[in-house]
Amino acid sequence: MNKKYRHKNIYLLGGSSFFNDVGSEMITPILPFYITALGGTGIAIGALSGLREGLSSLFKIFGGWLSDVKGKRKIFVFLGYLFSIISRFLIFLANSWQAILAFVSLERFGKLRDPSRDAIIAESTSHRGKWFGVHQMMDSSGAIVGTIIVLFLFWKLNLNFKTIILFAAIISAISLIPLIFVKEQKTRAIKKSLFGGIKKLNKKLKYFIFVTSVFTLGNFGLYMFMLLMAKQILPEL
């Protein structure tokens, strides 16, 4: 694979991340309001936050391990995005807060794509800091655009939750198109146990993971509860 096409891979993956994040950030800010509208309480919103963060981390570990064992990358990236898209359409069809929790959990299964996607990026360049930064820039741009769109649709056009979620799911589906043109390098399958590599991690990295986990627990569910509080303080919104 020539150098020019390897960098094209990164732009294509960045495009997929962009459209997926537009859809994701259109749904995330309205989820706490949607749940409360369907009769859910603070416990339901806390459970939602826990499921989103916890399952996301678990599926990333599983996705990375499975990708190494099978020696495949692109298929797991594609399946990850596909699961997320299908789940968003199911959230659109949900008529209870319990169903939303179930479908959000299924949506997190799509996070198995992240390790395989990052591996393709790493294999596509020797200047990893620069090109991971390019990908992250495209990913974050999608989050910003999605937030702006949902603000406009929800607070300005007064569209209902289901309509916004449907729009978000349709936009997310565009993320599959760039993946068609991604080319992966042949990768040797690595036979290893799921948690076998943890013991080999650098001690400093283990410490970093531990500290990050503590701060993540401190941030547990804060975002969604802050949205609900903002709604109470500014009811005219």
C-alpha atoms as a PDB file:
ATOM      1  CA  MET A   1       0.000   0.000   0.000  1.00  0.00           C
ATOM      2  CA  ASN A   2       1.545   3.318  -1.033  1.00  0.00           C
ATOM      3  CA  LYS A   3       2.030   6.215   1.368  1.00  0.00           C
ATOM      4  CA  LYS A   4      -0.583   8.420  -0.313  1.00  0.00           C
ATOM      5  CA  TYR A   5      -3.309   5.800   0.069  1.00  0.00           C
ATOM      6  CA  ARG A   6      -2.335   5.050   3.663  1.00  0.00           C
ATOM      7  CA  HIS A   7      -3.013   8.673   4.557  1.00  0.00           C
ATOM      8  CA  LYS A   8      -6.242   8.504   2.561  1.00  0.00           C
ATOM      9  CA  ASN A   9      -7.258   5.698   4.925  1.00  0.00           C
ATOM     10  CA  ILE A  10      -7.002   8.114   7.845  1.00  0.00           C
ATOM     11  CA  TYR A  11      -9.179  10.724   6.153  1.00  0.00           C
ATOM     12  CA  LEU A  12     -11.750   8.054   5.305  1.00  0.00           C
ATOM     13  CA  LEU A  13     -11.825   6.790   8.898  1.00  0.00           C
ATOM     14  CA  GLY A  14     -12.025  10.391  10.071  1.00  0.00           C
ATOM     15  CA  GLY A  15     -15.034  10.914   7.810  1.00  0.00           C
ATOM     16  CA  SER A  16     -16.767   7.909   9.324  1.00  0.00           C
ATOM     17  CA  SER A  17     -16.036   9.192  12.828  1.00  0.00           C
ATOM     18  CA  PHE A  18     -17.321  12.642  11.851  1.00  0.00           C
ATOM     19  CA  PHE A  19     -20.761  11.480  10.694  1.00  0.00           C
ATOM     20  CA  ASN A  20     -21.087   8.951  13.512  1.00  0.00           C
ATOM     21  CA  ASP A  21     -20.311  11.623  16.104  1.00  0.00           C
ATOM     22  CA  VAL A  22     -22.773  14.057  14.524  1.00  0.00           C
ATOM     23  CA  GLY A  23     -25.490  11.451  15.070  1.00  0.00           C
ATOM     24  CA  SER A  24     -24.257  10.505  18.530  1.00  0.00           C
ATOM     25  CA  GLU A  25     -24.131  14.093  19.819  1.00  0.00           C
ATOM     26  CA  MET A  26     -27.586  14.792  18.425  1.00  0.00           C
ATOM     27  CA  ILE A  27     -28.982  12.030  20.634  1.00  0.00           C
ATOM     28  CA  THR A  28     -26.915  12.234  23.837  1.00  0.00           C
ATOM     29  CA  PRO A  29     -28.104  15.704  25.029  1.00  0.00           C
ATOM     30  CA  ILE A  30     -31.795  14.814  24.695  1.00  0.00           C
ATOM     31  CA  LEU A  31     -31.624  11.342  26.266  1.00  0.00           C
ATOM     32  CA  PRO A  32     -32.197  12.504  29.885  1.00  0.00           C
ATOM     33  CA  PHE A  33     -35.223  14.566  28.805  1.00  0.00           C
ATOM     34  CA  TYR A  34     -36.550  11.691  26.705  1.00  0.00           C
ATOM     35  CA  ILE A  35     -36.214   9.258  29.606  1.00  0.00           C
ATOM     36  CA  THR A  36     -37.983  11.567  32.069  1.00  0.00           C
ATOM     37  CA  ALA A  37     -40.739  12.177  29.495  1.00  0.00           C
ATOM     38  CA  LEU A  38     -41.293   8.400  29.392  1.00  0.00           C
ATOM     39  CA  GLY A  39     -41.492   8.150  33.187  1.00  0.00           C
ATOM     40  CA  GLY A  40     -37.867   7.425  34.021  1.00  0.00           C
ATOM     41  CA  THR A  41     -36.329   8.799  37.228  1.00  0.00           C
ATOM     42  CA  GLY A  42     -32.849   9.887  38.284  1.00  0.00           C
ATOM     43  CA  ILE A  43     -31.998   6.235  38.891  1.00  0.00           C
ATOM     44  CA  ALA A  44     -32.785   5.449  35.248  1.00  0.00           C
ATOM     45  CA  ILE A  45     -30.579   8.312  34.064  1.00  0.00           C
ATOM     46  CA  GLY A  46     -27.751   7.186  36.355  1.00  0.00           C
ATOM     47  CA  ALA A  47     -28.106   3.640  35.027  1.00  0.00           C
ATOM     48  CA  LEU A  48     -27.978   4.991  31.495  1.00  0.00           C
ATOM     49  CA  SER A  49     -24.726   6.852  32.191  1.00  0.00           C
ATOM     50  CA  GLY A  50     -23.200   3.805  33.863  1.00  0.00           C
ATOM     51  CA  LEU A  51     -24.134   1.504  31.018  1.00  0.00           C
ATOM     52  CA  ARG A  52     -22.804   3.898  28.392  1.00  0.00           C
ATOM     53  CA  GLU A  53     -19.398   4.308  30.044  1.00  0.00           C
ATOM     54  CA  GLY A  54     -18.945   0.811  31.480  1.00  0.00           C
ATOM     55  CA  LEU A  55     -20.028  -1.165  28.440  1.00  0.00           C
ATOM     56  CA  SER A  56     -18.048   1.115  26.152  1.00  0.00           C
ATOM     57  CA  SER A  57     -14.805   0.253  27.977  1.00  0.00           C
ATOM     58  CA  LEU A  58     -15.565  -3.472  28.107  1.00  0.00           C
ATOM     59  CA  PHE A  59     -16.423  -3.733  24.424  1.00  0.00           C
ATOM     60  CA  LYS A  60     -13.257  -1.851  23.456  1.00  0.00           C
ATOM     61  CA  ILE A  61     -11.197  -4.479  25.279  1.00  0.00           C
ATOM     62  CA  PHE A  62     -13.144  -7.305  23.660  1.00  0.00           C
ATOM     63  CA  GLY A  63     -12.979  -5.713  20.194  1.00  0.00           C
ATOM     64  CA  GLY A  64      -9.212  -5.247  20.337  1.00  0.00           C
ATOM     65  CA  TRP A  65      -8.644  -8.818  21.476  1.00  0.00           C
ATOM     66  CA  LEU A  66     -10.966 -10.271  18.822  1.00  0.00           C
ATOM     67  CA  SER A  67      -9.329  -8.217  16.081  1.00  0.00           C
ATOM     68  CA  ASP A  68      -5.872  -9.531  17.044  1.00  0.00           C
ATOM     69  CA  VAL A  69      -7.062 -13.123  17.295  1.00  0.00           C
ATOM     70  CA  LYS A  70      -8.738 -13.018  13.865  1.00  0.00           C
ATOM     71  CA  GLY A  71      -6.055 -10.895  12.218  1.00  0.00           C
ATOM     72  CA  LYS A  72      -8.768  -8.615  10.773  1.00  0.00           C
ATOM     73  CA  ARG A  73      -9.369  -4.876  11.213  1.00  0.00           C
ATOM     74  CA  LYS A  74     -11.803  -3.383   8.719  1.00  0.00           C
ATOM     75  CA  ILE A  75     -14.639  -5.858   9.324  1.00  0.00           C
ATOM     76  CA  PHE A  76     -14.756  -4.980  13.034  1.00  0.00           C
ATOM     77  CA  VAL A  77     -14.735  -1.262  12.279  1.00  0.00           C
ATOM     78  CA  PHE A  78     -17.648  -1.764   9.878  1.00  0.00           C
ATOM     79  CA  LEU A  79     -19.617  -3.976  12.273  1.00  0.00           C
ATOM     80  CA  GLY A  80     -19.044  -1.514  15.116  1.00  0.00           C
ATOM     81  CA  TYR A  81     -20.509   1.391  13.196  1.00  0.00           C
ATOM     82  CA  LEU A  82     -23.336  -0.802  11.898  1.00  0.00           C
ATOM     83  CA  PHE A  83     -24.337  -1.860  15.438  1.00  0.00           C
ATOM     84  CA  SER A  84     -24.410   1.775  16.549  1.00  0.00           C
ATOM     85  CA  ILE A  85     -26.565   2.810  13.591  1.00  0.00           C
ATOM     86  CA  ILE A  86     -29.063  -0.021  14.059  1.00  0.00           C
ATOM     87  CA  SER A  87     -29.289   0.780  17.771  1.00  0.00           C
ATOM     88  CA  ARG A  88     -30.128   4.430  17.060  1.00  0.00           C
ATOM     89  CA  PHE A  89     -32.983   3.388  14.807  1.00  0.00           C
ATOM     90  CA  LEU A  90     -34.177   1.099  17.626  1.00  0.00           C
ATOM     91  CA  ILE A  91     -33.988   4.018  20.098  1.00  0.00           C
ATOM     92  CA  PHE A  92     -36.241   5.899  17.670  1.00  0.00           C
ATOM     93  CA  LEU A  93     -38.768   3.053  17.901  1.00  0.00           C
ATOM     94  CA  ALA A  94     -38.568   2.784  21.724  1.00  0.00           C
ATOM     95  CA  ASN A  95     -41.727   3.607  23.681  1.00  0.00           C
ATOM     96  CA  SER A  96     -40.432   3.114  27.234  1.00  0.00           C
ATOM     97  CA  TRP A  97     -37.399   4.206  29.201  1.00  0.00           C
ATOM     98  CA  GLN A  98     -36.539   0.552  29.837  1.00  0.00           C
ATOM     99  CA  ALA A  99     -36.324  -0.027  26.076  1.00  0.00           C
ATOM    100  CA  ILE A 100     -34.059   3.016  25.729  1.00  0.00           C
ATOM    101  CA  LEU A 101     -31.666   1.577  28.333  1.00  0.00           C
ATOM    102  CA  ALA A 102     -31.595  -1.725  26.436  1.00  0.00           C
ATOM    103  CA  PHE A 103     -30.951  -0.125  23.053  1.00  0.00           C
ATOM    104  CA  VAL A 104     -28.319   2.260  24.414  1.00  0.00           C
ATOM    105  CA  SER A 105     -26.542  -0.800  25.812  1.00  0.00           C
ATOM    106  CA  LEU A 106     -26.660  -2.385  22.354  1.00  0.00           C
ATOM    107  CA  GLU A 107     -25.343   0.860  20.851  1.00  0.00           C
ATOM    108  CA  ARG A 108     -22.281   0.669  23.104  1.00  0.00           C
ATOM    109  CA  PHE A 109     -21.450  -2.713  21.556  1.00  0.00           C
ATOM    110  CA  GLY A 110     -20.433  -0.704  18.527  1.00  0.00           C
ATOM    111  CA  LYS A 111     -17.400   0.518  20.470  1.00  0.00           C
ATOM    112  CA  LEU A 112     -15.650  -2.737  19.572  1.00  0.00           C
ATOM    113  CA  ARG A 113     -14.660  -0.808  16.424  1.00  0.00           C
ATOM    114  CA  ASP A 114     -12.294   1.600  18.201  1.00  0.00           C
ATOM    115  CA  PRO A 115      -9.215  -0.630  18.692  1.00  0.00           C
ATOM    116  CA  SER A 116      -9.390  -1.935  15.099  1.00  0.00           C
ATOM    117  CA  ARG A 117      -9.831   1.588  13.736  1.00  0.00           C
ATOM    118  CA  ASP A 118      -6.880   2.856  15.777  1.00  0.00           C
ATOM    119  CA  ALA A 119      -4.781  -0.088  14.588  1.00  0.00           C
ATOM    120  CA  ILE A 120      -5.482   0.798  10.946  1.00  0.00           C
ATOM    121  CA  ILE A 121      -4.453   4.402  11.643  1.00  0.00           C
ATOM    122  CA  ALA A 122      -1.257   3.251  13.378  1.00  0.00           C
ATOM    123  CA  GLU A 123      -0.431   0.953  10.462  1.00  0.00           C
ATOM    124  CA  SER A 124      -1.103   3.723   7.927  1.00  0.00           C
ATOM    125  CA  THR A 125       1.588   6.177   9.019  1.00  0.00           C
ATOM    126  CA  SER A 126       4.921   6.486  10.762  1.00  0.00           C
ATOM    127  CA  HIS A 127       3.929   9.957  12.047  1.00  0.00           C
ATOM    128  CA  ARG A 128       1.303   8.663  14.450  1.00  0.00           C
ATOM    129  CA  GLY A 129       0.974  11.742  16.650  1.00  0.00           C
ATOM    130  CA  LYS A 130       0.139  13.950  13.687  1.00  0.00           C
ATOM    131  CA  TRP A 131      -2.343  11.609  12.022  1.00  0.00           C
ATOM    132  CA  PHE A 132      -4.076  10.488  15.188  1.00  0.00           C
ATOM    133  CA  GLY A 133      -4.500  14.207  15.813  1.00  0.00           C
ATOM    134  CA  VAL A 134      -6.046  14.660  12.355  1.00  0.00           C
ATOM    135  CA  HIS A 135      -8.474  11.836  13.024  1.00  0.00           C
ATOM    136  CA  GLN A 136      -9.363  13.188  16.477  1.00  0.00           C
ATOM    137  CA  MET A 137      -9.940  16.626  14.963  1.00  0.00           C
ATOM    138  CA  MET A 138     -12.465  15.188  12.499  1.00  0.00           C
ATOM    139  CA  ASP A 139     -14.084  13.149  15.280  1.00  0.00           C
ATOM    140  CA  SER A 140     -14.420  16.182  17.575  1.00  0.00           C
ATOM    141  CA  SER A 141     -15.695  18.337  14.711  1.00  0.00           C
ATOM    142  CA  GLY A 142     -18.567  15.871  14.299  1.00  0.00           C
ATOM    143  CA  ALA A 143     -19.410  16.200  17.994  1.00  0.00           C
ATOM    144  CA  ILE A 144     -19.483  20.005  17.708  1.00  0.00           C
ATOM    145  CA  VAL A 145     -21.654  19.937  14.579  1.00  0.00           C
ATOM    146  CA  GLY A 146     -24.044  17.414  16.166  1.00  0.00           C
ATOM    147  CA  THR A 147     -24.459  19.582  19.254  1.00  0.00           C
ATOM    148  CA  ILE A 148     -25.203  22.665  17.141  1.00  0.00           C
ATOM    149  CA  ILE A 149     -27.747  20.760  15.051  1.00  0.00           C
ATOM    150  CA  VAL A 150     -29.627  19.381  18.063  1.00  0.00           C
ATOM    151  CA  LEU A 151     -29.722  22.832  19.674  1.00  0.00           C
ATOM    152  CA  PHE A 152     -31.296  24.191  16.520  1.00  0.00           C
ATOM    153  CA  LEU A 153     -33.780  21.330  16.044  1.00  0.00           C
ATOM    154  CA  PHE A 154     -34.835  21.021  19.691  1.00  0.00           C
ATOM    155  CA  TRP A 155     -34.790  24.550  21.046  1.00  0.00           C
ATOM    156  CA  LYS A 156     -35.455  26.558  17.881  1.00  0.00           C
ATOM    157  CA  LEU A 157     -37.640  24.360  15.671  1.00  0.00           C
ATOM    158  CA  ASN A 158     -39.219  22.551  18.663  1.00  0.00           C
ATOM    159  CA  LEU A 159     -39.041  19.144  16.974  1.00  0.00           C
ATOM    160  CA  ASN A 160     -39.988  16.185  19.139  1.00  0.00           C
ATOM    161  CA  PHE A 161     -37.483  13.674  20.480  1.00  0.00           C
ATOM    162  CA  LYS A 162     -38.345  10.888  18.045  1.00  0.00           C
ATOM    163  CA  THR A 163     -37.917  13.094  14.988  1.00  0.00           C
ATOM    164  CA  ILE A 164     -34.495  14.287  16.155  1.00  0.00           C
ATOM    165  CA  ILE A 165     -33.377  10.725  16.904  1.00  0.00           C
ATOM    166  CA  LEU A 166     -34.516   9.614  13.438  1.00  0.00           C
ATOM    167  CA  PHE A 167     -32.507  12.414  11.814  1.00  0.00           C
ATOM    168  CA  ALA A 168     -29.508  11.442  13.940  1.00  0.00           C
ATOM    169  CA  ALA A 169     -29.754   7.777  12.929  1.00  0.00           C
ATOM    170  CA  ILE A 170     -29.948   8.687   9.229  1.00  0.00           C
ATOM    171  CA  ILE A 171     -26.898  10.959   9.478  1.00  0.00           C
ATOM    172  CA  SER A 172     -25.022   8.222  11.363  1.00  0.00           C
ATOM    173  CA  ALA A 173     -25.711   5.792   8.514  1.00  0.00           C
ATOM    174  CA  ILE A 174     -23.556   7.955   6.218  1.00  0.00           C
ATOM    175  CA  SER A 175     -20.541   6.857   8.299  1.00  0.00           C
ATOM    176  CA  LEU A 176     -20.590   3.456   6.555  1.00  0.00           C
ATOM    177  CA  ILE A 177     -19.876   4.946   3.116  1.00  0.00           C
ATOM    178  CA  PRO A 178     -16.232   6.030   3.652  1.00  0.00           C
ATOM    179  CA  LEU A 179     -15.430   2.610   5.138  1.00  0.00           C
ATOM    180  CA  ILE A 180     -16.074   0.968   1.763  1.00  0.00           C
ATOM    181  CA  PHE A 181     -12.914   2.598   0.410  1.00  0.00           C
ATOM    182  CA  VAL A 182     -10.629   1.850   3.374  1.00  0.00           C
ATOM    183  CA  LYS A 183      -7.860  -0.652   2.620  1.00  0.00           C
ATOM    184  CA  GLU A 184      -6.253  -2.613   5.425  1.00  0.00           C
ATOM    185  CA  GLN A 185      -2.862  -4.264   5.498  1.00  0.00           C
ATOM    186  CA  LYS A 186      -2.594  -7.991   5.959  1.00  0.00           C
ATOM    187  CA  THR A 187      -2.241  -8.725   9.660  1.00  0.00           C
ATOM    188  CA  ARG A 188      -0.979 -11.912  11.259  1.00  0.00           C
ATOM    189  CA  ALA A 189      -3.451 -13.485  13.671  1.00  0.00           C
ATOM    190  CA  ILE A 190      -2.215 -13.512  17.264  1.00  0.00           C
ATOM    191  CA  LYS A 191      -3.470 -16.266  19.555  1.00  0.00           C
ATOM    192  CA  LYS A 192      -3.691 -14.991  23.121  1.00  0.00           C
ATOM    193  CA  SER A 193      -6.063 -14.915  26.069  1.00  0.00           C
ATOM    194  CA  LEU A 194      -8.340 -11.928  26.578  1.00  0.00           C
ATOM    195  CA  PHE A 195      -6.564 -10.577  29.673  1.00  0.00           C
ATOM    196  CA  GLY A 196      -3.184 -12.202  29.118  1.00  0.00           C
ATOM    197  CA  GLY A 197      -1.459  -8.967  28.155  1.00  0.00           C
ATOM    198  CA  ILE A 198      -2.460  -7.000  31.242  1.00  0.00           C
ATOM    199  CA  LYS A 199       0.371  -8.466  33.359  1.00  0.00           C
ATOM    200  CA  LYS A 200       2.886  -7.301  30.762  1.00  0.00           C
ATOM    201  CA  LEU A 201       1.798  -3.656  30.872  1.00  0.00           C
ATOM    202  CA  ASN A 202       4.298  -1.081  32.080  1.00  0.00           C
ATOM    203  CA  LYS A 203       3.817  -0.199  35.773  1.00  0.00           C
ATOM    204  CA  LYS A 204       3.506   3.501  34.956  1.00  0.00           C
ATOM    205  CA  LEU A 205       0.764   2.732  32.434  1.00  0.00           C
ATOM    206  CA  LYS A 206      -1.101   0.643  35.032  1.00  0.00           C
ATOM    207  CA  TYR A 207      -0.880   3.557  37.457  1.00  0.00           C
ATOM    208  CA  PHE A 208      -2.178   5.960  34.793  1.00  0.00           C
ATOM    209  CA  ILE A 209      -5.136   3.677  34.056  1.00  0.00           C
ATOM    210  CA  PHE A 210      -5.948   3.449  37.769  1.00  0.00           C
ATOM    211  CA  VAL A 211      -5.870   7.242  38.272  1.00  0.00           C
ATOM    212  CA  THR A 212      -7.941   7.812  35.132  1.00  0.00           C
ATOM    213  CA  SER A 213     -10.517   5.295  36.362  1.00  0.00           C
ATOM    214  CA  VAL A 214     -10.839   7.119  39.704  1.00  0.00           C
ATOM    215  CA  PHE A 215     -11.467  10.469  38.003  1.00  0.00           C
ATOM    216  CA  THR A 216     -13.917   8.814  35.608  1.00  0.00           C
ATOM    217  CA  LEU A 217     -15.923   7.503  38.560  1.00  0.00           C
ATOM    218  CA  GLY A 218     -16.001  11.049  39.951  1.00  0.00           C
ATOM    219  CA  ASN A 219     -17.484  12.243  36.669  1.00  0.00           C
ATOM    220  CA  PHE A 220     -20.079   9.451  36.653  1.00  0.00           C
ATOM    221  CA  GLY A 221     -23.314  10.610  35.030  1.00  0.00           C
ATOM    222  CA  LEU A 222     -22.512  14.268  35.680  1.00  0.00           C
ATOM    223  CA  TYR A 223     -23.185  15.457  32.135  1.00  0.00           C
ATOM    224  CA  MET A 224     -26.758  14.209  31.907  1.00  0.00           C
ATOM    225  CA  PHE A 225     -27.710  15.412  35.386  1.00  0.00           C
ATOM    226  CA  MET A 226     -26.296  18.838  34.571  1.00  0.00           C
ATOM    227  CA  LEU A 227     -28.552  18.996  31.511  1.00  0.00           C
ATOM    228  CA  LEU A 228     -31.601  18.256  33.661  1.00  0.00           C
ATOM    229  CA  MET A 229     -30.538  20.881  36.199  1.00  0.00           C
ATOM    230  CA  ALA A 230     -30.090  23.442  33.429  1.00  0.00           C
ATOM    231  CA  LYS A 231     -33.605  22.688  32.229  1.00  0.00           C
ATOM    232  CA  GLN A 232     -34.995  23.308  35.733  1.00  0.00           C
ATOM    233  CA  ILE A 233     -33.075  26.572  36.136  1.00  0.00           C
ATOM    234  CA  LEU A 234     -34.080  27.810  32.688  1.00  0.00           C
ATOM    235  CA  PRO A 235     -37.545  26.296  32.160  1.00  0.00           C
ATOM    236  CA  GLU A 236     -38.283  28.654  29.269  1.00  0.00           C
ATOM    237  CA  LEU A 237     -35.788  26.659  27.185  1.00  0.00           C
END
